Protein backbone atom coordinates (compact mmCIF):
# COMPACT_ATOMS: atom_id res chain seq x y z
CA UNK A 1 0.00 0.00 0.00
CA UNK A 2 1.20 3.52 -0.78
CA UNK A 3 -0.19 7.00 -0.12
CA UNK A 4 0.18 9.84 -2.59
CA UNK A 5 -1.52 13.15 -3.46
CA UNK A 6 -4.76 12.84 -5.37
CA UNK A 7 -4.78 13.29 -9.15
CA UNK A 8 -7.67 15.08 -10.85
CA UNK A 9 -8.78 11.83 -12.48
CA UNK A 10 -9.50 10.35 -9.04
CA UNK A 11 -12.80 12.22 -8.97
CA UNK A 12 -14.28 9.39 -11.04
CA UNK A 13 -13.52 6.93 -8.25
CA UNK A 14 -15.10 9.28 -5.67
CA UNK A 15 -18.26 9.38 -7.75
CA UNK A 16 -18.39 5.60 -7.80
CA UNK A 17 -17.62 5.22 -4.11
CA UNK A 18 -20.17 7.74 -2.89
CA UNK A 19 -22.88 6.22 -5.06
CA UNK A 20 -22.38 2.84 -3.36
CA UNK A 21 -25.11 2.43 -0.71
CA UNK A 22 -22.84 0.59 1.73
CA UNK A 23 -20.02 3.13 1.47
CA UNK A 24 -22.58 5.88 2.01
CA UNK A 25 -24.06 4.04 4.98
CA UNK A 26 -20.68 3.91 6.73
CA UNK A 27 -19.29 7.33 5.86
CA UNK A 28 -21.99 9.95 5.26
CA UNK A 29 -24.14 11.80 7.73
CA UNK A 30 -26.78 12.12 5.04
CA UNK A 31 -28.63 8.86 4.44
CA UNK A 32 -28.24 8.80 0.68
CA UNK A 33 -25.65 8.95 -2.11
CA UNK A 34 -23.93 12.17 -3.17
CA UNK A 35 -24.94 13.71 -6.48
CA UNK A 36 -22.24 13.97 -9.13
CA UNK A 37 -22.07 17.76 -8.78
CA UNK A 38 -21.71 17.43 -4.99
CA UNK A 39 -18.87 14.96 -5.37
CA UNK A 40 -17.08 17.21 -7.84
CA UNK A 41 -17.36 20.29 -5.61
CA UNK A 42 -16.20 18.30 -2.59
CA UNK A 43 -13.26 16.84 -4.48
CA UNK A 44 -12.10 20.15 -5.97
CA UNK A 45 -12.41 22.09 -2.71
CA UNK A 46 -11.34 19.59 -0.06
CA UNK A 47 -9.42 16.77 -1.70
CA UNK A 48 -7.38 18.18 -4.59
CA UNK A 49 -7.33 21.85 -3.60
CA UNK A 50 -4.18 23.80 -2.65
CA UNK A 51 -2.99 22.92 0.82
CA UNK A 52 -5.20 19.85 1.02
CA UNK A 53 -4.28 17.30 3.67
CA UNK A 54 -5.91 14.44 1.75
CA UNK A 55 -4.02 11.50 0.25
CA UNK A 56 -5.00 8.72 -2.12
CA UNK A 57 -4.57 5.11 -0.98
CA UNK A 58 -3.13 2.86 -3.70
CA UNK A 59 -2.18 -0.80 -3.71
CA UNK A 60 1.57 -0.88 -4.19
CA UNK A 61 1.61 -4.00 -6.39
CA UNK A 62 -0.99 -2.84 -8.94
CA UNK A 63 -1.27 0.93 -8.28
CA UNK A 64 -5.03 0.46 -7.92
CA UNK A 65 -6.75 3.38 -6.16
CA UNK A 66 -8.79 1.96 -3.28
CA UNK A 67 -9.51 4.86 -0.94
CA UNK A 68 -8.68 8.22 0.57
CA UNK A 69 -7.52 9.53 3.95
CA UNK A 70 -7.13 13.03 5.30
CA UNK A 71 -6.63 15.40 8.20
CA UNK A 72 -9.01 18.29 8.74
CA UNK A 73 -9.38 21.11 11.25
CA UNK A 74 -5.62 21.22 11.76
CA UNK A 75 -5.14 23.46 14.80
CA UNK A 76 -1.50 24.38 15.24
CA UNK A 77 -2.14 26.46 18.37
CA UNK A 78 -3.67 23.54 20.24
CA UNK A 79 -1.87 20.73 18.42
CA UNK A 80 -4.96 18.89 17.25
CA UNK A 81 -6.47 17.51 14.05
CA UNK A 82 -9.32 15.29 12.92
CA UNK A 83 -8.68 12.15 10.88
CA UNK A 84 -10.89 10.73 8.12
CA UNK A 85 -10.49 7.62 5.99
CA UNK A 86 -12.60 5.83 3.41
CA UNK A 87 -11.72 2.56 1.72
CA UNK A 88 -14.04 2.93 -1.23
CA UNK A 89 -13.57 -0.48 -2.84
CA UNK A 90 -15.61 -3.06 -0.88
CA UNK A 91 -13.48 -6.00 -2.05
CA UNK A 92 -10.55 -4.34 -0.23
CA UNK A 93 -12.33 -4.23 3.13
CA UNK A 94 -10.95 -6.45 5.85
CA UNK A 95 -7.42 -6.70 4.41
CA UNK A 96 -5.71 -4.25 6.75
CA UNK A 97 -5.24 -1.45 4.21
CA UNK A 98 -7.16 1.06 6.30
CA UNK A 99 -5.19 0.16 9.41
CA UNK A 100 -1.88 0.56 7.57
CA UNK A 101 -2.87 3.91 6.06
CA UNK A 102 -4.07 5.18 9.44
CA UNK A 103 -0.78 4.19 11.10
CA UNK A 104 1.24 6.03 8.45
CA UNK A 105 -0.90 9.14 8.80
CA UNK A 106 -0.56 9.09 12.60
CA UNK A 107 3.20 8.80 12.38
CA UNK A 108 3.24 11.80 10.07
CA UNK A 109 0.93 13.80 12.33
CA UNK A 110 2.99 13.20 15.45
CA UNK A 111 6.44 13.01 13.89
CA UNK A 112 6.34 15.76 11.26
CA UNK A 113 3.32 18.01 11.77
CA UNK A 114 3.94 18.33 15.51
CA UNK A 115 0.38 17.34 16.41
CA UNK A 116 -0.42 16.43 20.02
CA UNK A 117 -3.88 14.89 19.57
CA UNK A 118 -5.66 13.26 16.63
CA UNK A 119 -9.39 12.67 16.95
CA UNK A 120 -12.07 11.07 14.81
CA UNK A 121 -15.75 10.20 14.78
CA UNK A 122 -17.16 6.83 13.74
CA UNK A 123 -20.67 5.40 13.66
CA UNK A 124 -21.21 2.79 16.38
CA UNK A 125 -22.39 0.16 13.90
CA UNK A 126 -19.12 0.42 11.92
CA UNK A 127 -17.47 -2.25 14.04
CA UNK A 128 -14.76 -3.06 11.48
CA UNK A 129 -13.53 0.55 11.52
CA UNK A 130 -13.58 0.69 15.32
CA UNK A 131 -11.43 -2.45 15.52
CA UNK A 132 -8.99 -0.90 13.04
CA UNK A 133 -8.72 2.32 15.01
CA UNK A 134 -8.13 0.42 18.26
CA UNK A 135 -5.27 -1.51 16.62
CA UNK A 136 -3.32 1.70 16.07
CA UNK A 137 -4.02 3.11 19.52
CA UNK A 138 -7.24 5.13 19.34
CA UNK A 139 -9.35 4.99 22.49
CA UNK A 140 -13.01 5.82 22.97
CA UNK A 141 -13.43 9.13 24.76
CA UNK A 142 -17.16 9.69 24.37
CA UNK A 143 -20.24 9.26 22.26
CA UNK A 144 -23.06 11.31 20.84
CA UNK A 145 -26.11 9.24 21.76
CA UNK A 146 -28.51 8.30 18.97
CA UNK A 147 -27.03 10.92 16.65
CA UNK A 148 -27.25 8.91 13.41
CA UNK A 149 -30.39 7.57 11.71
CA UNK A 150 -29.64 4.38 9.79
CA UNK A 151 -31.52 1.20 8.93
CA UNK A 152 -34.74 2.46 10.48
CA UNK A 153 -33.38 3.43 13.89
CA UNK A 154 -30.99 5.74 15.71
CA UNK A 155 -27.36 4.85 16.43
CA UNK A 156 -24.62 6.45 18.53
CA UNK A 157 -21.66 8.28 17.02
CA UNK A 158 -18.44 7.41 18.85
CA UNK A 159 -15.60 9.86 19.40
CA UNK A 160 -12.09 8.39 19.56
CA UNK A 161 -8.65 9.94 19.92
CA UNK A 162 -4.97 9.19 20.32
CA UNK A 163 -2.30 11.37 21.93
CA UNK A 164 1.32 11.79 20.86
CA UNK A 165 2.75 9.96 23.87
CA UNK A 166 0.31 7.10 23.40
CA UNK A 167 1.41 6.73 19.78
CA UNK A 168 5.08 6.92 20.76
CA UNK A 169 4.56 4.01 23.16
CA UNK A 170 3.15 1.68 20.49
CA UNK A 171 4.84 3.11 17.38
CA UNK A 172 7.58 0.53 17.21
CA UNK A 173 5.12 -2.35 17.43
CA UNK A 174 2.68 -0.90 14.91
CA UNK A 175 5.25 0.18 12.32
CA UNK A 176 8.08 -2.24 13.09
CA UNK A 177 10.36 0.70 13.94
CA UNK A 178 12.15 1.91 17.04
CA UNK A 179 9.94 4.12 19.25
CA UNK A 180 10.33 7.83 18.61
CA UNK A 181 11.90 9.96 21.39
CA UNK A 182 9.64 12.14 23.53
CA UNK A 183 10.33 15.60 22.12
CA UNK A 184 8.17 18.29 20.67
CA UNK A 185 10.24 18.43 17.47
CA UNK A 186 9.91 16.49 14.21
CA UNK A 187 11.18 12.95 14.77
CA UNK A 188 10.92 11.08 11.49
CA UNK A 189 11.71 11.95 7.91
CA UNK A 190 8.77 10.06 6.46
CA UNK A 191 8.06 6.65 4.98
CA UNK A 192 8.36 5.34 1.43
CA UNK A 193 4.58 4.99 1.36
CA UNK A 194 3.84 8.53 2.54
CA UNK A 195 4.66 11.82 0.77
CA UNK A 196 5.19 15.11 2.56
CA UNK A 197 2.10 17.04 3.63
CA UNK A 198 1.75 20.74 4.42
CA UNK A 199 2.71 21.59 7.99
CA UNK A 200 0.70 23.60 10.52
CA UNK A 201 2.14 26.84 9.16
CA UNK A 202 0.79 26.19 5.67
CA UNK A 203 -2.69 26.26 4.25
CA UNK A 204 -5.13 23.80 5.72
CA UNK A 205 -8.13 22.07 4.25
CA UNK A 206 -11.21 20.49 5.73
CA UNK A 207 -12.18 17.09 4.36
CA UNK A 208 -14.88 14.71 5.32
C-alpha atoms as a PDB file:
ATOM      1  CA  UNK A   1       0.000   0.000   0.000  1.00  0.00           C
ATOM      2  CA  UNK A   2       1.204   3.522  -0.782  1.00  0.00           C
ATOM      3  CA  UNK A   3      -0.194   6.998  -0.121  1.00  0.00           C
ATOM      4  CA  UNK A   4       0.177   9.841  -2.593  1.00  0.00           C
ATOM      5  CA  UNK A   5      -1.515  13.148  -3.458  1.00  0.00           C
ATOM      6  CA  UNK A   6      -4.764  12.839  -5.366  1.00  0.00           C
ATOM      7  CA  UNK A   7      -4.781  13.287  -9.146  1.00  0.00           C
ATOM      8  CA  UNK A   8      -7.665  15.085 -10.850  1.00  0.00           C
ATOM      9  CA  UNK A   9      -8.782  11.834 -12.483  1.00  0.00           C
ATOM     10  CA  UNK A  10      -9.502  10.351  -9.045  1.00  0.00           C
ATOM     11  CA  UNK A  11     -12.800  12.223  -8.968  1.00  0.00           C
ATOM     12  CA  UNK A  12     -14.285   9.388 -11.043  1.00  0.00           C
ATOM     13  CA  UNK A  13     -13.524   6.926  -8.248  1.00  0.00           C
ATOM     14  CA  UNK A  14     -15.098   9.275  -5.673  1.00  0.00           C
ATOM     15  CA  UNK A  15     -18.265   9.380  -7.747  1.00  0.00           C
ATOM     16  CA  UNK A  16     -18.395   5.598  -7.795  1.00  0.00           C
ATOM     17  CA  UNK A  17     -17.618   5.220  -4.106  1.00  0.00           C
ATOM     18  CA  UNK A  18     -20.174   7.737  -2.886  1.00  0.00           C
ATOM     19  CA  UNK A  19     -22.876   6.222  -5.062  1.00  0.00           C
ATOM     20  CA  UNK A  20     -22.376   2.844  -3.360  1.00  0.00           C
ATOM     21  CA  UNK A  21     -25.112   2.434  -0.706  1.00  0.00           C
ATOM     22  CA  UNK A  22     -22.845   0.585   1.731  1.00  0.00           C
ATOM     23  CA  UNK A  23     -20.018   3.126   1.467  1.00  0.00           C
ATOM     24  CA  UNK A  24     -22.576   5.882   2.006  1.00  0.00           C
ATOM     25  CA  UNK A  25     -24.059   4.039   4.981  1.00  0.00           C
ATOM     26  CA  UNK A  26     -20.680   3.905   6.727  1.00  0.00           C
ATOM     27  CA  UNK A  27     -19.295   7.327   5.860  1.00  0.00           C
ATOM     28  CA  UNK A  28     -21.994   9.948   5.261  1.00  0.00           C
ATOM     29  CA  UNK A  29     -24.142  11.803   7.735  1.00  0.00           C
ATOM     30  CA  UNK A  30     -26.777  12.124   5.037  1.00  0.00           C
ATOM     31  CA  UNK A  31     -28.631   8.858   4.444  1.00  0.00           C
ATOM     32  CA  UNK A  32     -28.236   8.803   0.678  1.00  0.00           C
ATOM     33  CA  UNK A  33     -25.648   8.953  -2.112  1.00  0.00           C
ATOM     34  CA  UNK A  34     -23.933  12.167  -3.168  1.00  0.00           C
ATOM     35  CA  UNK A  35     -24.942  13.710  -6.478  1.00  0.00           C
ATOM     36  CA  UNK A  36     -22.240  13.973  -9.125  1.00  0.00           C
ATOM     37  CA  UNK A  37     -22.067  17.757  -8.776  1.00  0.00           C
ATOM     38  CA  UNK A  38     -21.712  17.433  -4.990  1.00  0.00           C
ATOM     39  CA  UNK A  39     -18.868  14.956  -5.367  1.00  0.00           C
ATOM     40  CA  UNK A  40     -17.082  17.210  -7.844  1.00  0.00           C
ATOM     41  CA  UNK A  41     -17.356  20.293  -5.612  1.00  0.00           C
ATOM     42  CA  UNK A  42     -16.200  18.300  -2.589  1.00  0.00           C
ATOM     43  CA  UNK A  43     -13.259  16.841  -4.484  1.00  0.00           C
ATOM     44  CA  UNK A  44     -12.101  20.152  -5.968  1.00  0.00           C
ATOM     45  CA  UNK A  45     -12.405  22.093  -2.711  1.00  0.00           C
ATOM     46  CA  UNK A  46     -11.341  19.593  -0.061  1.00  0.00           C
ATOM     47  CA  UNK A  47      -9.417  16.767  -1.702  1.00  0.00           C
ATOM     48  CA  UNK A  48      -7.379  18.180  -4.593  1.00  0.00           C
ATOM     49  CA  UNK A  49      -7.331  21.854  -3.602  1.00  0.00           C
ATOM     50  CA  UNK A  50      -4.181  23.802  -2.654  1.00  0.00           C
ATOM     51  CA  UNK A  51      -2.994  22.921   0.825  1.00  0.00           C
ATOM     52  CA  UNK A  52      -5.197  19.848   1.018  1.00  0.00           C
ATOM     53  CA  UNK A  53      -4.276  17.297   3.666  1.00  0.00           C
ATOM     54  CA  UNK A  54      -5.912  14.438   1.754  1.00  0.00           C
ATOM     55  CA  UNK A  55      -4.025  11.502   0.245  1.00  0.00           C
ATOM     56  CA  UNK A  56      -5.000   8.719  -2.123  1.00  0.00           C
ATOM     57  CA  UNK A  57      -4.566   5.110  -0.982  1.00  0.00           C
ATOM     58  CA  UNK A  58      -3.129   2.860  -3.701  1.00  0.00           C
ATOM     59  CA  UNK A  59      -2.180  -0.798  -3.705  1.00  0.00           C
ATOM     60  CA  UNK A  60       1.569  -0.879  -4.188  1.00  0.00           C
ATOM     61  CA  UNK A  61       1.608  -3.997  -6.392  1.00  0.00           C
ATOM     62  CA  UNK A  62      -0.991  -2.843  -8.940  1.00  0.00           C
ATOM     63  CA  UNK A  63      -1.267   0.926  -8.278  1.00  0.00           C
ATOM     64  CA  UNK A  64      -5.027   0.462  -7.918  1.00  0.00           C
ATOM     65  CA  UNK A  65      -6.748   3.378  -6.163  1.00  0.00           C
ATOM     66  CA  UNK A  66      -8.790   1.964  -3.276  1.00  0.00           C
ATOM     67  CA  UNK A  67      -9.510   4.865  -0.943  1.00  0.00           C
ATOM     68  CA  UNK A  68      -8.683   8.217   0.572  1.00  0.00           C
ATOM     69  CA  UNK A  69      -7.516   9.527   3.945  1.00  0.00           C
ATOM     70  CA  UNK A  70      -7.130  13.029   5.303  1.00  0.00           C
ATOM     71  CA  UNK A  71      -6.633  15.399   8.202  1.00  0.00           C
ATOM     72  CA  UNK A  72      -9.007  18.292   8.741  1.00  0.00           C
ATOM     73  CA  UNK A  73      -9.382  21.115  11.245  1.00  0.00           C
ATOM     74  CA  UNK A  74      -5.615  21.224  11.760  1.00  0.00           C
ATOM     75  CA  UNK A  75      -5.140  23.464  14.802  1.00  0.00           C
ATOM     76  CA  UNK A  76      -1.498  24.381  15.239  1.00  0.00           C
ATOM     77  CA  UNK A  77      -2.142  26.455  18.371  1.00  0.00           C
ATOM     78  CA  UNK A  78      -3.671  23.536  20.242  1.00  0.00           C
ATOM     79  CA  UNK A  79      -1.874  20.733  18.424  1.00  0.00           C
ATOM     80  CA  UNK A  80      -4.959  18.891  17.249  1.00  0.00           C
ATOM     81  CA  UNK A  81      -6.468  17.513  14.052  1.00  0.00           C
ATOM     82  CA  UNK A  82      -9.321  15.293  12.921  1.00  0.00           C
ATOM     83  CA  UNK A  83      -8.677  12.146  10.885  1.00  0.00           C
ATOM     84  CA  UNK A  84     -10.887  10.730   8.122  1.00  0.00           C
ATOM     85  CA  UNK A  85     -10.491   7.624   5.993  1.00  0.00           C
ATOM     86  CA  UNK A  86     -12.602   5.826   3.408  1.00  0.00           C
ATOM     87  CA  UNK A  87     -11.716   2.556   1.723  1.00  0.00           C
ATOM     88  CA  UNK A  88     -14.044   2.935  -1.228  1.00  0.00           C
ATOM     89  CA  UNK A  89     -13.571  -0.477  -2.840  1.00  0.00           C
ATOM     90  CA  UNK A  90     -15.611  -3.064  -0.879  1.00  0.00           C
ATOM     91  CA  UNK A  91     -13.476  -5.996  -2.052  1.00  0.00           C
ATOM     92  CA  UNK A  92     -10.554  -4.344  -0.234  1.00  0.00           C
ATOM     93  CA  UNK A  93     -12.330  -4.229   3.129  1.00  0.00           C
ATOM     94  CA  UNK A  94     -10.948  -6.450   5.850  1.00  0.00           C
ATOM     95  CA  UNK A  95      -7.420  -6.701   4.407  1.00  0.00           C
ATOM     96  CA  UNK A  96      -5.705  -4.247   6.755  1.00  0.00           C
ATOM     97  CA  UNK A  97      -5.239  -1.454   4.211  1.00  0.00           C
ATOM     98  CA  UNK A  98      -7.156   1.062   6.296  1.00  0.00           C
ATOM     99  CA  UNK A  99      -5.185   0.162   9.415  1.00  0.00           C
ATOM    100  CA  UNK A 100      -1.884   0.561   7.569  1.00  0.00           C
ATOM    101  CA  UNK A 101      -2.872   3.907   6.063  1.00  0.00           C
ATOM    102  CA  UNK A 102      -4.066   5.182   9.442  1.00  0.00           C
ATOM    103  CA  UNK A 103      -0.782   4.194  11.096  1.00  0.00           C
ATOM    104  CA  UNK A 104       1.241   6.030   8.447  1.00  0.00           C
ATOM    105  CA  UNK A 105      -0.902   9.138   8.803  1.00  0.00           C
ATOM    106  CA  UNK A 106      -0.564   9.087  12.601  1.00  0.00           C
ATOM    107  CA  UNK A 107       3.198   8.798  12.377  1.00  0.00           C
ATOM    108  CA  UNK A 108       3.240  11.798  10.065  1.00  0.00           C
ATOM    109  CA  UNK A 109       0.930  13.795  12.328  1.00  0.00           C
ATOM    110  CA  UNK A 110       2.986  13.205  15.454  1.00  0.00           C
ATOM    111  CA  UNK A 111       6.440  13.013  13.889  1.00  0.00           C
ATOM    112  CA  UNK A 112       6.341  15.763  11.260  1.00  0.00           C
ATOM    113  CA  UNK A 113       3.324  18.008  11.766  1.00  0.00           C
ATOM    114  CA  UNK A 114       3.939  18.335  15.514  1.00  0.00           C
ATOM    115  CA  UNK A 115       0.377  17.344  16.408  1.00  0.00           C
ATOM    116  CA  UNK A 116      -0.422  16.428  20.023  1.00  0.00           C
ATOM    117  CA  UNK A 117      -3.876  14.886  19.569  1.00  0.00           C
ATOM    118  CA  UNK A 118      -5.656  13.256  16.635  1.00  0.00           C
ATOM    119  CA  UNK A 119      -9.386  12.666  16.951  1.00  0.00           C
ATOM    120  CA  UNK A 120     -12.070  11.075  14.815  1.00  0.00           C
ATOM    121  CA  UNK A 121     -15.750  10.196  14.782  1.00  0.00           C
ATOM    122  CA  UNK A 122     -17.160   6.829  13.739  1.00  0.00           C
ATOM    123  CA  UNK A 123     -20.668   5.402  13.663  1.00  0.00           C
ATOM    124  CA  UNK A 124     -21.208   2.789  16.384  1.00  0.00           C
ATOM    125  CA  UNK A 125     -22.387   0.161  13.896  1.00  0.00           C
ATOM    126  CA  UNK A 126     -19.116   0.417  11.919  1.00  0.00           C
ATOM    127  CA  UNK A 127     -17.469  -2.253  14.038  1.00  0.00           C
ATOM    128  CA  UNK A 128     -14.760  -3.056  11.481  1.00  0.00           C
ATOM    129  CA  UNK A 129     -13.526   0.545  11.524  1.00  0.00           C
ATOM    130  CA  UNK A 130     -13.582   0.689  15.318  1.00  0.00           C
ATOM    131  CA  UNK A 131     -11.432  -2.450  15.521  1.00  0.00           C
ATOM    132  CA  UNK A 132      -8.994  -0.902  13.038  1.00  0.00           C
ATOM    133  CA  UNK A 133      -8.719   2.323  15.010  1.00  0.00           C
ATOM    134  CA  UNK A 134      -8.135   0.416  18.256  1.00  0.00           C
ATOM    135  CA  UNK A 135      -5.273  -1.514  16.620  1.00  0.00           C
ATOM    136  CA  UNK A 136      -3.322   1.699  16.071  1.00  0.00           C
ATOM    137  CA  UNK A 137      -4.017   3.107  19.521  1.00  0.00           C
ATOM    138  CA  UNK A 138      -7.239   5.126  19.339  1.00  0.00           C
ATOM    139  CA  UNK A 139      -9.348   4.993  22.487  1.00  0.00           C
ATOM    140  CA  UNK A 140     -13.014   5.824  22.971  1.00  0.00           C
ATOM    141  CA  UNK A 141     -13.434   9.134  24.762  1.00  0.00           C
ATOM    142  CA  UNK A 142     -17.161   9.688  24.372  1.00  0.00           C
ATOM    143  CA  UNK A 143     -20.244   9.259  22.262  1.00  0.00           C
ATOM    144  CA  UNK A 144     -23.061  11.307  20.840  1.00  0.00           C
ATOM    145  CA  UNK A 145     -26.106   9.242  21.756  1.00  0.00           C
ATOM    146  CA  UNK A 146     -28.511   8.298  18.971  1.00  0.00           C
ATOM    147  CA  UNK A 147     -27.027  10.916  16.648  1.00  0.00           C
ATOM    148  CA  UNK A 148     -27.248   8.906  13.413  1.00  0.00           C
ATOM    149  CA  UNK A 149     -30.388   7.570  11.711  1.00  0.00           C
ATOM    150  CA  UNK A 150     -29.635   4.382   9.788  1.00  0.00           C
ATOM    151  CA  UNK A 151     -31.516   1.203   8.933  1.00  0.00           C
ATOM    152  CA  UNK A 152     -34.740   2.459  10.478  1.00  0.00           C
ATOM    153  CA  UNK A 153     -33.383   3.426  13.887  1.00  0.00           C
ATOM    154  CA  UNK A 154     -30.995   5.736  15.715  1.00  0.00           C
ATOM    155  CA  UNK A 155     -27.362   4.848  16.429  1.00  0.00           C
ATOM    156  CA  UNK A 156     -24.624   6.452  18.526  1.00  0.00           C
ATOM    157  CA  UNK A 157     -21.662   8.283  17.022  1.00  0.00           C
ATOM    158  CA  UNK A 158     -18.442   7.412  18.845  1.00  0.00           C
ATOM    159  CA  UNK A 159     -15.601   9.864  19.401  1.00  0.00           C
ATOM    160  CA  UNK A 160     -12.094   8.393  19.562  1.00  0.00           C
ATOM    161  CA  UNK A 161      -8.648   9.937  19.922  1.00  0.00           C
ATOM    162  CA  UNK A 162      -4.967   9.191  20.324  1.00  0.00           C
ATOM    163  CA  UNK A 163      -2.295  11.373  21.928  1.00  0.00           C
ATOM    164  CA  UNK A 164       1.317  11.790  20.857  1.00  0.00           C
ATOM    165  CA  UNK A 165       2.754   9.965  23.874  1.00  0.00           C
ATOM    166  CA  UNK A 166       0.308   7.096  23.398  1.00  0.00           C
ATOM    167  CA  UNK A 167       1.414   6.730  19.775  1.00  0.00           C
ATOM    168  CA  UNK A 168       5.077   6.923  20.762  1.00  0.00           C
ATOM    169  CA  UNK A 169       4.558   4.010  23.159  1.00  0.00           C
ATOM    170  CA  UNK A 170       3.152   1.677  20.491  1.00  0.00           C
ATOM    171  CA  UNK A 171       4.838   3.105  17.378  1.00  0.00           C
ATOM    172  CA  UNK A 172       7.581   0.525  17.215  1.00  0.00           C
ATOM    173  CA  UNK A 173       5.123  -2.350  17.429  1.00  0.00           C
ATOM    174  CA  UNK A 174       2.680  -0.901  14.910  1.00  0.00           C
ATOM    175  CA  UNK A 175       5.252   0.183  12.318  1.00  0.00           C
ATOM    176  CA  UNK A 176       8.076  -2.236  13.090  1.00  0.00           C
ATOM    177  CA  UNK A 177      10.362   0.697  13.939  1.00  0.00           C
ATOM    178  CA  UNK A 178      12.148   1.912  17.038  1.00  0.00           C
ATOM    179  CA  UNK A 179       9.942   4.117  19.254  1.00  0.00           C
ATOM    180  CA  UNK A 180      10.331   7.831  18.610  1.00  0.00           C
ATOM    181  CA  UNK A 181      11.904   9.957  21.395  1.00  0.00           C
ATOM    182  CA  UNK A 182       9.641  12.144  23.528  1.00  0.00           C
ATOM    183  CA  UNK A 183      10.330  15.601  22.120  1.00  0.00           C
ATOM    184  CA  UNK A 184       8.165  18.291  20.669  1.00  0.00           C
ATOM    185  CA  UNK A 185      10.235  18.434  17.470  1.00  0.00           C
ATOM    186  CA  UNK A 186       9.907  16.492  14.213  1.00  0.00           C
ATOM    187  CA  UNK A 187      11.179  12.949  14.771  1.00  0.00           C
ATOM    188  CA  UNK A 188      10.918  11.079  11.489  1.00  0.00           C
ATOM    189  CA  UNK A 189      11.705  11.948   7.912  1.00  0.00           C
ATOM    190  CA  UNK A 190       8.768  10.056   6.458  1.00  0.00           C
ATOM    191  CA  UNK A 191       8.059   6.654   4.975  1.00  0.00           C
ATOM    192  CA  UNK A 192       8.359   5.339   1.430  1.00  0.00           C
ATOM    193  CA  UNK A 193       4.582   4.991   1.361  1.00  0.00           C
ATOM    194  CA  UNK A 194       3.837   8.528   2.540  1.00  0.00           C
ATOM    195  CA  UNK A 195       4.657  11.817   0.772  1.00  0.00           C
ATOM    196  CA  UNK A 196       5.186  15.106   2.563  1.00  0.00           C
ATOM    197  CA  UNK A 197       2.104  17.037   3.631  1.00  0.00           C
ATOM    198  CA  UNK A 198       1.750  20.741   4.418  1.00  0.00           C
ATOM    199  CA  UNK A 199       2.706  21.586   7.991  1.00  0.00           C
ATOM    200  CA  UNK A 200       0.701  23.599  10.519  1.00  0.00           C
ATOM    201  CA  UNK A 201       2.138  26.841   9.163  1.00  0.00           C
ATOM    202  CA  UNK A 202       0.792  26.187   5.668  1.00  0.00           C
ATOM    203  CA  UNK A 203      -2.689  26.263   4.251  1.00  0.00           C
ATOM    204  CA  UNK A 204      -5.129  23.796   5.723  1.00  0.00           C
ATOM    205  CA  UNK A 205      -8.129  22.075   4.248  1.00  0.00           C
ATOM    206  CA  UNK A 206     -11.212  20.490   5.733  1.00  0.00           C
ATOM    207  CA  UNK A 207     -12.180  17.091   4.364  1.00  0.00           C
ATOM    208  CA  UNK A 208     -14.877  14.706   5.315  1.00  0.00           C
END
